[in-house]
Amino acid sequence: MELNFSKDQLNRLYQYAVALCGNRDDAFDLTHAALERMITINQVNNPMGYARTCIRNMYIDKIRKDTRYIHEDIDGLNESDVIDISESGFEDIQITKYSFQQCWSIMNIEERELLFLFFIEGYTAQEIADETDSSRGVILSRVHRIKKKVRNEMSDTQHDDNAGGLES
């Protein structure tokens, strides 16, 4: 297969890999390995989607080798269980680089991937659901839980900063 990715598309794949693993060198290796794997495939309908899937799967394989992969069971959720949420909730949270790193460190792979696709790539919940073989309701539930997790982490971080006995 001849790869016809633009520089922008290659950068987006690399950024996706960085969002998953948090390490630039590992992200470069994952992106490179995904592109190598694509060369051996005859035809792919959605090259960007296939490349992202390769990157994600290779990263998960790497994690499994290092530690046991923890998968959150969400199969029991129905669309009726979803709470109606606004997509602008994260924009309302002011976050520093330090608190972002704290929040990012408590997220699992699925949460990082979802945040990347939702906020960086600008995918809709339905587009993410289609790409990940999930329902739209499950995606919205995940976004809601991530927002709650970030808010809790932010309030814990602010509480720890205030409890440190800093004098004015």
N, C-alpha and C. Protein backbone atom coordinates (compact mmCIF):
# COMPACT_ATOMS: atom_id res chain seq x y z
N MET A 1 0.85 -1.18 0.00
CA MET A 1 0.00 0.00 0.00
C MET A 1 0.89 1.24 0.00
N GLU A 2 0.53 2.20 -0.80
CA GLU A 2 1.27 3.45 -0.83
C GLU A 2 0.65 4.40 0.19
N LEU A 3 1.47 4.94 1.07
CA LEU A 3 0.96 5.84 2.09
C LEU A 3 0.97 7.27 1.57
N ASN A 4 -0.17 7.90 1.62
CA ASN A 4 -0.30 9.28 1.14
C ASN A 4 -0.79 10.18 2.26
N PHE A 5 -0.05 10.22 3.34
CA PHE A 5 -0.41 11.09 4.46
C PHE A 5 0.25 12.44 4.27
N SER A 6 -0.50 13.49 4.56
CA SER A 6 0.08 14.84 4.53
C SER A 6 0.89 15.04 5.81
N LYS A 7 1.69 16.09 5.82
CA LYS A 7 2.47 16.41 7.02
C LYS A 7 1.54 16.68 8.20
N ASP A 8 0.42 17.36 7.94
CA ASP A 8 -0.56 17.63 8.99
C ASP A 8 -1.14 16.34 9.55
N GLN A 9 -1.46 15.39 8.71
CA GLN A 9 -2.01 14.12 9.17
C GLN A 9 -0.98 13.34 9.99
N LEU A 10 0.27 13.35 9.55
CA LEU A 10 1.32 12.67 10.31
C LEU A 10 1.51 13.32 11.68
N ASN A 11 1.45 14.65 11.73
CA ASN A 11 1.55 15.35 13.01
C ASN A 11 0.38 15.01 13.92
N ARG A 12 -0.82 14.90 13.34
CA ARG A 12 -1.99 14.54 14.14
C ARG A 12 -1.86 13.13 14.70
N LEU A 13 -1.32 12.20 13.91
CA LEU A 13 -1.09 10.84 14.40
C LEU A 13 -0.07 10.84 15.53
N TYR A 14 0.99 11.61 15.36
CA TYR A 14 2.02 11.72 16.39
C TYR A 14 1.43 12.32 17.67
N GLN A 15 0.65 13.39 17.54
CA GLN A 15 0.02 14.02 18.71
C GLN A 15 -0.92 13.04 19.41
N TYR A 16 -1.62 12.24 18.63
CA TYR A 16 -2.50 11.22 19.20
C TYR A 16 -1.68 10.23 20.04
N ALA A 17 -0.55 9.81 19.50
CA ALA A 17 0.32 8.87 20.21
C ALA A 17 0.87 9.50 21.49
N VAL A 18 1.25 10.77 21.42
CA VAL A 18 1.74 11.48 22.62
C VAL A 18 0.63 11.55 23.66
N ALA A 19 -0.60 11.81 23.21
CA ALA A 19 -1.73 11.90 24.15
C ALA A 19 -1.95 10.57 24.85
N LEU A 20 -1.72 9.46 24.15
CA LEU A 20 -1.92 8.16 24.77
C LEU A 20 -0.82 7.81 25.76
N CYS A 21 0.44 7.96 25.32
CA CYS A 21 1.53 7.45 26.15
C CYS A 21 2.24 8.52 26.96
N GLY A 22 2.10 9.78 26.60
CA GLY A 22 2.71 10.84 27.39
C GLY A 22 4.22 10.95 27.25
N ASN A 23 4.79 10.25 26.29
CA ASN A 23 6.24 10.25 26.10
C ASN A 23 6.51 10.46 24.61
N ARG A 24 7.27 11.48 24.26
CA ARG A 24 7.48 11.82 22.85
C ARG A 24 8.25 10.73 22.10
N ASP A 25 9.24 10.13 22.73
CA ASP A 25 10.01 9.09 22.06
C ASP A 25 9.15 7.85 21.80
N ASP A 26 8.38 7.44 22.80
CA ASP A 26 7.49 6.30 22.61
C ASP A 26 6.43 6.61 21.56
N ALA A 27 5.94 7.85 21.55
CA ALA A 27 4.93 8.25 20.57
C ALA A 27 5.50 8.18 19.16
N PHE A 28 6.74 8.61 18.99
CA PHE A 28 7.38 8.53 17.66
C PHE A 28 7.49 7.07 17.24
N ASP A 29 7.92 6.20 18.16
CA ASP A 29 8.05 4.78 17.85
C ASP A 29 6.71 4.16 17.49
N LEU A 30 5.66 4.51 18.23
CA LEU A 30 4.33 3.97 17.94
C LEU A 30 3.83 4.43 16.58
N THR A 31 4.03 5.71 16.27
CA THR A 31 3.59 6.24 14.98
C THR A 31 4.34 5.56 13.84
N HIS A 32 5.63 5.43 14.00
CA HIS A 32 6.46 4.79 12.98
C HIS A 32 6.04 3.33 12.77
N ALA A 33 5.83 2.61 13.85
CA ALA A 33 5.43 1.20 13.76
C ALA A 33 4.06 1.06 13.10
N ALA A 34 3.14 1.97 13.40
CA ALA A 34 1.81 1.92 12.78
C ALA A 34 1.91 2.14 11.27
N LEU A 35 2.75 3.08 10.86
CA LEU A 35 2.92 3.34 9.43
C LEU A 35 3.59 2.16 8.73
N GLU A 36 4.55 1.54 9.40
CA GLU A 36 5.18 0.34 8.84
C GLU A 36 4.16 -0.77 8.65
N ARG A 37 3.30 -0.93 9.64
CA ARG A 37 2.27 -1.97 9.56
C ARG A 37 1.31 -1.69 8.41
N MET A 38 1.01 -0.43 8.17
CA MET A 38 0.07 -0.07 7.10
C MET A 38 0.63 -0.37 5.71
N ILE A 39 1.94 -0.35 5.55
CA ILE A 39 2.55 -0.62 4.25
C ILE A 39 2.23 -2.03 3.78
N THR A 40 2.09 -2.96 4.72
CA THR A 40 1.83 -4.35 4.36
C THR A 40 0.36 -4.63 4.02
N ILE A 41 -0.53 -3.67 4.29
CA ILE A 41 -1.95 -3.84 4.02
C ILE A 41 -2.25 -3.39 2.59
N ASN A 42 -3.10 -4.15 1.90
CA ASN A 42 -3.42 -3.82 0.51
C ASN A 42 -4.27 -2.57 0.38
N GLN A 43 -5.39 -2.53 1.09
CA GLN A 43 -6.28 -1.38 0.97
C GLN A 43 -6.99 -1.14 2.28
N VAL A 44 -7.10 0.13 2.65
CA VAL A 44 -7.77 0.53 3.88
C VAL A 44 -8.76 1.64 3.51
N ASN A 45 -10.00 1.51 4.00
CA ASN A 45 -11.02 2.51 3.69
C ASN A 45 -10.76 3.84 4.39
N ASN A 46 -10.32 3.79 5.64
CA ASN A 46 -10.08 4.99 6.44
C ASN A 46 -8.66 4.93 7.00
N PRO A 47 -7.67 5.42 6.24
CA PRO A 47 -6.27 5.30 6.68
C PRO A 47 -5.97 5.95 8.03
N MET A 48 -6.56 7.13 8.31
CA MET A 48 -6.31 7.79 9.60
C MET A 48 -6.89 6.97 10.74
N GLY A 49 -8.08 6.47 10.57
CA GLY A 49 -8.70 5.65 11.60
C GLY A 49 -7.93 4.36 11.83
N TYR A 50 -7.46 3.75 10.73
CA TYR A 50 -6.69 2.52 10.85
C TYR A 50 -5.36 2.78 11.56
N ALA A 51 -4.72 3.90 11.22
CA ALA A 51 -3.44 4.24 11.86
C ALA A 51 -3.63 4.49 13.36
N ARG A 52 -4.70 5.21 13.71
CA ARG A 52 -4.98 5.45 15.13
C ARG A 52 -5.26 4.14 15.86
N THR A 53 -5.98 3.25 15.21
CA THR A 53 -6.27 1.95 15.82
C THR A 53 -4.98 1.17 16.03
N CYS A 54 -4.09 1.20 15.05
CA CYS A 54 -2.79 0.52 15.19
C CYS A 54 -2.00 1.10 16.36
N ILE A 55 -1.95 2.43 16.43
CA ILE A 55 -1.21 3.09 17.51
C ILE A 55 -1.79 2.70 18.86
N ARG A 56 -3.11 2.78 18.98
CA ARG A 56 -3.77 2.44 20.24
C ARG A 56 -3.49 0.98 20.62
N ASN A 57 -3.65 0.07 19.67
CA ASN A 57 -3.46 -1.35 19.97
C ASN A 57 -2.00 -1.66 20.34
N MET A 58 -1.06 -1.05 19.66
CA MET A 58 0.34 -1.28 20.00
C MET A 58 0.67 -0.71 21.38
N TYR A 59 0.08 0.43 21.71
CA TYR A 59 0.31 1.00 23.03
C TYR A 59 -0.27 0.11 24.11
N ILE A 60 -1.46 -0.40 23.88
CA ILE A 60 -2.07 -1.31 24.85
C ILE A 60 -1.22 -2.57 25.01
N ASP A 61 -0.70 -3.09 23.90
CA ASP A 61 0.19 -4.25 23.98
C ASP A 61 1.41 -3.94 24.84
N LYS A 62 1.96 -2.74 24.66
CA LYS A 62 3.13 -2.33 25.44
C LYS A 62 2.78 -2.26 26.93
N ILE A 63 1.65 -1.69 27.24
CA ILE A 63 1.21 -1.59 28.64
C ILE A 63 1.00 -2.97 29.23
N ARG A 64 0.41 -3.86 28.47
CA ARG A 64 0.16 -5.22 28.96
C ARG A 64 1.47 -5.93 29.29
N LYS A 65 2.49 -5.65 28.52
CA LYS A 65 3.79 -6.26 28.81
C LYS A 65 4.36 -5.71 30.12
N ASP A 66 4.17 -4.42 30.34
CA ASP A 66 4.73 -3.78 31.53
C ASP A 66 3.90 -4.06 32.78
N THR A 67 2.61 -3.90 32.66
CA THR A 67 1.71 -4.12 33.79
C THR A 67 0.41 -4.71 33.28
N ARG A 68 -0.43 -5.08 34.18
CA ARG A 68 -1.72 -5.62 33.79
C ARG A 68 -2.63 -4.48 33.35
N TYR A 69 -3.27 -4.61 32.22
CA TYR A 69 -4.17 -3.60 31.68
C TYR A 69 -5.51 -3.68 32.40
N ILE A 70 -5.94 -2.56 33.00
CA ILE A 70 -7.20 -2.51 33.72
C ILE A 70 -8.25 -1.92 32.79
N HIS A 71 -9.31 -2.69 32.57
CA HIS A 71 -10.38 -2.24 31.69
C HIS A 71 -11.62 -1.94 32.51
N GLU A 72 -12.17 -0.77 32.31
CA GLU A 72 -13.36 -0.36 33.05
C GLU A 72 -14.59 -0.98 32.41
N ASP A 73 -15.39 -1.71 33.18
CA ASP A 73 -16.58 -2.37 32.66
C ASP A 73 -17.71 -1.37 32.53
N ILE A 74 -18.09 -1.08 31.29
CA ILE A 74 -19.19 -0.15 31.05
C ILE A 74 -20.24 -0.77 30.15
N ASP A 75 -20.17 -2.08 29.95
CA ASP A 75 -21.10 -2.74 29.05
C ASP A 75 -22.53 -2.68 29.54
N GLY A 76 -22.75 -2.54 30.83
CA GLY A 76 -24.09 -2.54 31.39
C GLY A 76 -24.83 -1.22 31.25
N LEU A 77 -24.19 -0.19 30.69
CA LEU A 77 -24.83 1.11 30.58
C LEU A 77 -25.79 1.16 29.40
N ASN A 78 -26.91 1.81 29.59
CA ASN A 78 -27.86 2.06 28.51
C ASN A 78 -27.85 3.54 28.21
N GLU A 79 -28.37 3.91 27.03
CA GLU A 79 -28.41 5.33 26.70
C GLU A 79 -29.30 6.09 27.66
N SER A 80 -30.28 5.41 28.27
CA SER A 80 -31.16 6.07 29.23
C SER A 80 -30.44 6.41 30.53
N ASP A 81 -29.29 5.76 30.78
CA ASP A 81 -28.51 6.02 32.00
C ASP A 81 -27.65 7.27 31.89
N VAL A 82 -27.58 7.84 30.71
CA VAL A 82 -26.68 8.96 30.46
C VAL A 82 -27.30 10.26 30.98
N ILE A 83 -26.47 11.03 31.64
CA ILE A 83 -26.88 12.34 32.13
C ILE A 83 -26.59 13.35 31.03
N ASP A 84 -27.53 14.23 30.75
CA ASP A 84 -27.34 15.25 29.74
C ASP A 84 -26.29 16.24 30.24
N ILE A 85 -25.19 16.38 29.49
CA ILE A 85 -24.11 17.25 29.91
C ILE A 85 -23.77 18.22 28.79
N SER A 86 -23.15 19.30 29.15
CA SER A 86 -22.71 20.28 28.18
C SER A 86 -21.29 19.96 27.76
N GLU A 87 -20.99 20.13 26.48
CA GLU A 87 -19.64 19.86 26.00
C GLU A 87 -18.66 20.95 26.40
N SER A 88 -19.15 22.05 26.96
CA SER A 88 -18.26 23.15 27.30
C SER A 88 -17.76 23.09 28.73
N GLY A 89 -18.03 22.02 29.46
CA GLY A 89 -17.68 21.92 30.86
C GLY A 89 -16.20 22.05 31.15
N PHE A 90 -15.34 21.51 30.28
CA PHE A 90 -13.91 21.60 30.53
C PHE A 90 -13.38 23.01 30.31
N GLU A 91 -14.00 23.74 29.42
CA GLU A 91 -13.54 25.10 29.16
C GLU A 91 -13.74 26.00 30.36
N ASP A 92 -14.70 25.63 31.23
CA ASP A 92 -14.98 26.44 32.41
C ASP A 92 -13.95 26.22 33.52
N ILE A 93 -13.16 25.18 33.41
CA ILE A 93 -12.18 24.86 34.44
C ILE A 93 -10.86 25.54 34.08
N GLN A 94 -10.36 26.38 34.97
CA GLN A 94 -9.05 26.98 34.75
C GLN A 94 -8.01 26.01 35.30
N ILE A 95 -7.01 25.75 34.50
CA ILE A 95 -6.07 24.71 34.89
C ILE A 95 -4.64 25.17 34.61
N THR A 96 -3.76 24.94 35.56
CA THR A 96 -2.36 25.27 35.38
C THR A 96 -1.64 24.07 34.80
N LYS A 97 -0.42 24.27 34.35
CA LYS A 97 0.35 23.16 33.79
C LYS A 97 0.54 22.07 34.84
N TYR A 98 0.82 22.46 36.07
CA TYR A 98 1.03 21.48 37.13
C TYR A 98 -0.24 20.68 37.39
N SER A 99 -1.36 21.36 37.53
CA SER A 99 -2.60 20.64 37.82
C SER A 99 -3.03 19.80 36.62
N PHE A 100 -2.71 20.25 35.40
CA PHE A 100 -2.99 19.43 34.23
C PHE A 100 -2.19 18.13 34.30
N GLN A 101 -0.93 18.23 34.64
CA GLN A 101 -0.10 17.03 34.75
C GLN A 101 -0.64 16.10 35.84
N GLN A 102 -1.11 16.67 36.95
CA GLN A 102 -1.71 15.86 38.01
C GLN A 102 -2.95 15.13 37.50
N CYS A 103 -3.82 15.85 36.82
CA CYS A 103 -5.05 15.25 36.29
C CYS A 103 -4.73 14.20 35.24
N TRP A 104 -3.79 14.51 34.35
CA TRP A 104 -3.44 13.58 33.27
C TRP A 104 -2.88 12.28 33.85
N SER A 105 -2.14 12.39 34.94
CA SER A 105 -1.51 11.20 35.52
C SER A 105 -2.51 10.24 36.15
N ILE A 106 -3.69 10.72 36.53
CA ILE A 106 -4.68 9.83 37.15
C ILE A 106 -5.62 9.20 36.12
N MET A 107 -5.48 9.59 34.84
CA MET A 107 -6.36 9.06 33.80
C MET A 107 -5.80 7.79 33.19
N ASN A 108 -6.71 6.89 32.83
CA ASN A 108 -6.29 5.67 32.15
C ASN A 108 -6.23 5.91 30.64
N ILE A 109 -5.84 4.92 29.90
CA ILE A 109 -5.65 5.04 28.46
C ILE A 109 -6.94 5.47 27.76
N GLU A 110 -8.05 4.84 28.12
CA GLU A 110 -9.31 5.16 27.46
C GLU A 110 -9.71 6.62 27.70
N GLU A 111 -9.47 7.12 28.90
CA GLU A 111 -9.82 8.51 29.21
C GLU A 111 -8.93 9.48 28.42
N ARG A 112 -7.65 9.17 28.33
CA ARG A 112 -6.75 10.03 27.56
C ARG A 112 -7.15 10.05 26.09
N GLU A 113 -7.45 8.88 25.57
CA GLU A 113 -7.85 8.79 24.16
C GLU A 113 -9.13 9.58 23.92
N LEU A 114 -10.10 9.43 24.80
CA LEU A 114 -11.37 10.13 24.64
C LEU A 114 -11.17 11.64 24.69
N LEU A 115 -10.39 12.12 25.65
CA LEU A 115 -10.12 13.55 25.72
C LEU A 115 -9.44 14.06 24.46
N PHE A 116 -8.49 13.30 23.97
CA PHE A 116 -7.79 13.71 22.75
C PHE A 116 -8.75 13.82 21.58
N LEU A 117 -9.54 12.78 21.36
CA LEU A 117 -10.46 12.78 20.21
C LEU A 117 -11.55 13.85 20.37
N PHE A 118 -12.04 14.02 21.59
CA PHE A 118 -13.16 14.93 21.83
C PHE A 118 -12.73 16.39 21.77
N PHE A 119 -11.63 16.73 22.47
CA PHE A 119 -11.26 18.13 22.60
C PHE A 119 -10.15 18.58 21.66
N ILE A 120 -9.21 17.71 21.35
CA ILE A 120 -8.11 18.11 20.46
C ILE A 120 -8.51 17.93 19.01
N GLU A 121 -9.01 16.74 18.66
CA GLU A 121 -9.42 16.46 17.28
C GLU A 121 -10.79 17.03 16.96
N GLY A 122 -11.59 17.31 17.98
CA GLY A 122 -12.90 17.92 17.75
C GLY A 122 -13.97 16.95 17.27
N TYR A 123 -13.80 15.67 17.54
CA TYR A 123 -14.81 14.69 17.14
C TYR A 123 -16.07 14.87 17.99
N THR A 124 -17.21 14.55 17.40
CA THR A 124 -18.45 14.53 18.16
C THR A 124 -18.53 13.21 18.92
N ALA A 125 -19.44 13.15 19.88
CA ALA A 125 -19.63 11.91 20.64
C ALA A 125 -20.02 10.77 19.71
N GLN A 126 -20.85 11.06 18.70
CA GLN A 126 -21.28 10.02 17.77
C GLN A 126 -20.11 9.53 16.92
N GLU A 127 -19.24 10.44 16.47
CA GLU A 127 -18.07 10.03 15.68
C GLU A 127 -17.13 9.15 16.50
N ILE A 128 -16.93 9.49 17.75
CA ILE A 128 -16.08 8.68 18.63
C ILE A 128 -16.74 7.32 18.85
N ALA A 129 -18.05 7.32 19.07
CA ALA A 129 -18.77 6.07 19.27
C ALA A 129 -18.64 5.16 18.05
N ASP A 130 -18.76 5.72 16.87
CA ASP A 130 -18.63 4.93 15.64
C ASP A 130 -17.23 4.35 15.50
N GLU A 131 -16.22 5.15 15.83
CA GLU A 131 -14.84 4.70 15.68
C GLU A 131 -14.44 3.65 16.72
N THR A 132 -15.01 3.75 17.91
CA THR A 132 -14.63 2.84 18.99
C THR A 132 -15.64 1.72 19.22
N ASP A 133 -16.63 1.61 18.34
CA ASP A 133 -17.67 0.59 18.45
C ASP A 133 -18.39 0.64 19.79
N SER A 134 -18.71 1.84 20.23
CA SER A 134 -19.47 2.07 21.46
C SER A 134 -20.73 2.85 21.08
N SER A 135 -21.63 2.99 22.05
CA SER A 135 -22.80 3.83 21.79
C SER A 135 -22.48 5.27 22.18
N ARG A 136 -23.25 6.19 21.63
CA ARG A 136 -23.08 7.61 21.94
C ARG A 136 -23.27 7.84 23.44
N GLY A 137 -24.23 7.15 24.03
CA GLY A 137 -24.49 7.30 25.46
C GLY A 137 -23.31 6.91 26.32
N VAL A 138 -22.61 5.84 25.92
CA VAL A 138 -21.43 5.41 26.67
C VAL A 138 -20.34 6.47 26.59
N ILE A 139 -20.16 7.04 25.42
CA ILE A 139 -19.14 8.09 25.25
C ILE A 139 -19.49 9.30 26.12
N LEU A 140 -20.75 9.72 26.11
CA LEU A 140 -21.15 10.87 26.93
C LEU A 140 -20.99 10.56 28.42
N SER A 141 -21.27 9.33 28.82
CA SER A 141 -21.07 8.94 30.22
C SER A 141 -19.60 9.02 30.60
N ARG A 142 -18.75 8.56 29.70
CA ARG A 142 -17.30 8.62 29.97
C ARG A 142 -16.85 10.07 30.12
N VAL A 143 -17.32 10.95 29.22
CA VAL A 143 -16.95 12.36 29.30
C VAL A 143 -17.41 12.93 30.64
N HIS A 144 -18.62 12.59 31.04
CA HIS A 144 -19.15 13.07 32.32
C HIS A 144 -18.27 12.60 33.48
N ARG A 145 -17.89 11.32 33.47
CA ARG A 145 -17.05 10.78 34.56
C ARG A 145 -15.67 11.44 34.55
N ILE A 146 -15.12 11.70 33.38
CA ILE A 146 -13.81 12.36 33.30
C ILE A 146 -13.90 13.77 33.86
N LYS A 147 -14.97 14.49 33.50
CA LYS A 147 -15.16 15.85 34.04
C LYS A 147 -15.22 15.81 35.57
N LYS A 148 -15.97 14.86 36.09
CA LYS A 148 -16.09 14.72 37.54
C LYS A 148 -14.74 14.40 38.16
N LYS A 149 -13.99 13.51 37.54
CA LYS A 149 -12.67 13.13 38.03
C LYS A 149 -11.72 14.34 38.04
N VAL A 150 -11.76 15.14 36.98
CA VAL A 150 -10.90 16.31 36.88
C VAL A 150 -11.30 17.34 37.94
N ARG A 151 -12.60 17.57 38.08
CA ARG A 151 -13.05 18.53 39.11
C ARG A 151 -12.61 18.09 40.50
N ASN A 152 -12.76 16.79 40.80
CA ASN A 152 -12.33 16.28 42.11
C ASN A 152 -10.83 16.45 42.30
N GLU A 153 -10.05 16.14 41.27
CA GLU A 153 -8.60 16.29 41.36
C GLU A 153 -8.22 17.75 41.53
N MET A 154 -8.91 18.63 40.80
CA MET A 154 -8.63 20.06 40.91
C MET A 154 -8.96 20.56 42.32
N SER A 155 -10.08 20.13 42.87
CA SER A 155 -10.44 20.60 44.21
C SER A 155 -9.49 20.02 45.25
N ASP A 156 -9.03 18.76 45.06
CA ASP A 156 -8.06 18.17 45.98
C ASP A 156 -6.73 18.92 45.90
N THR A 157 -6.30 19.28 44.68
CA THR A 157 -5.05 20.00 44.48
C THR A 157 -5.12 21.37 45.13
N GLN A 158 -6.25 22.07 44.95
CA GLN A 158 -6.40 23.39 45.57
C GLN A 158 -6.46 23.28 47.08
N HIS A 159 -7.12 22.24 47.58
CA HIS A 159 -7.20 22.03 49.03
C HIS A 159 -5.80 21.77 49.60
N ASP A 160 -5.01 20.93 48.90
CA ASP A 160 -3.65 20.64 49.35
C ASP A 160 -2.79 21.88 49.35
N ASP A 161 -2.96 22.75 48.31
CA ASP A 161 -2.19 23.98 48.24
C ASP A 161 -2.55 24.91 49.40
N ASN A 162 -3.84 25.00 49.73
CA ASN A 162 -4.28 25.88 50.82
C ASN A 162 -3.91 25.32 52.18
N ALA A 163 -3.85 24.01 52.30
CA ALA A 163 -3.53 23.39 53.59
C ALA A 163 -2.04 23.42 53.89
N GLY A 164 -1.25 23.86 52.94
CA GLY A 164 0.19 23.83 53.12
C GLY A 164 0.73 24.90 54.05
N GLY A 165 -0.12 25.76 54.55
CA GLY A 165 0.32 26.78 55.49
C GLY A 165 1.09 27.90 54.83
N LEU A 166 0.72 28.22 53.59
CA LEU A 166 1.38 29.32 52.92
C LEU A 166 0.94 30.64 53.54
N GLU A 167 1.89 31.52 53.78
CA GLU A 167 1.56 32.81 54.38
C GLU A 167 1.51 33.87 53.31
N SER A 168 0.61 34.82 53.48
CA SER A 168 0.48 35.91 52.50
C SER A 168 1.44 37.01 52.82
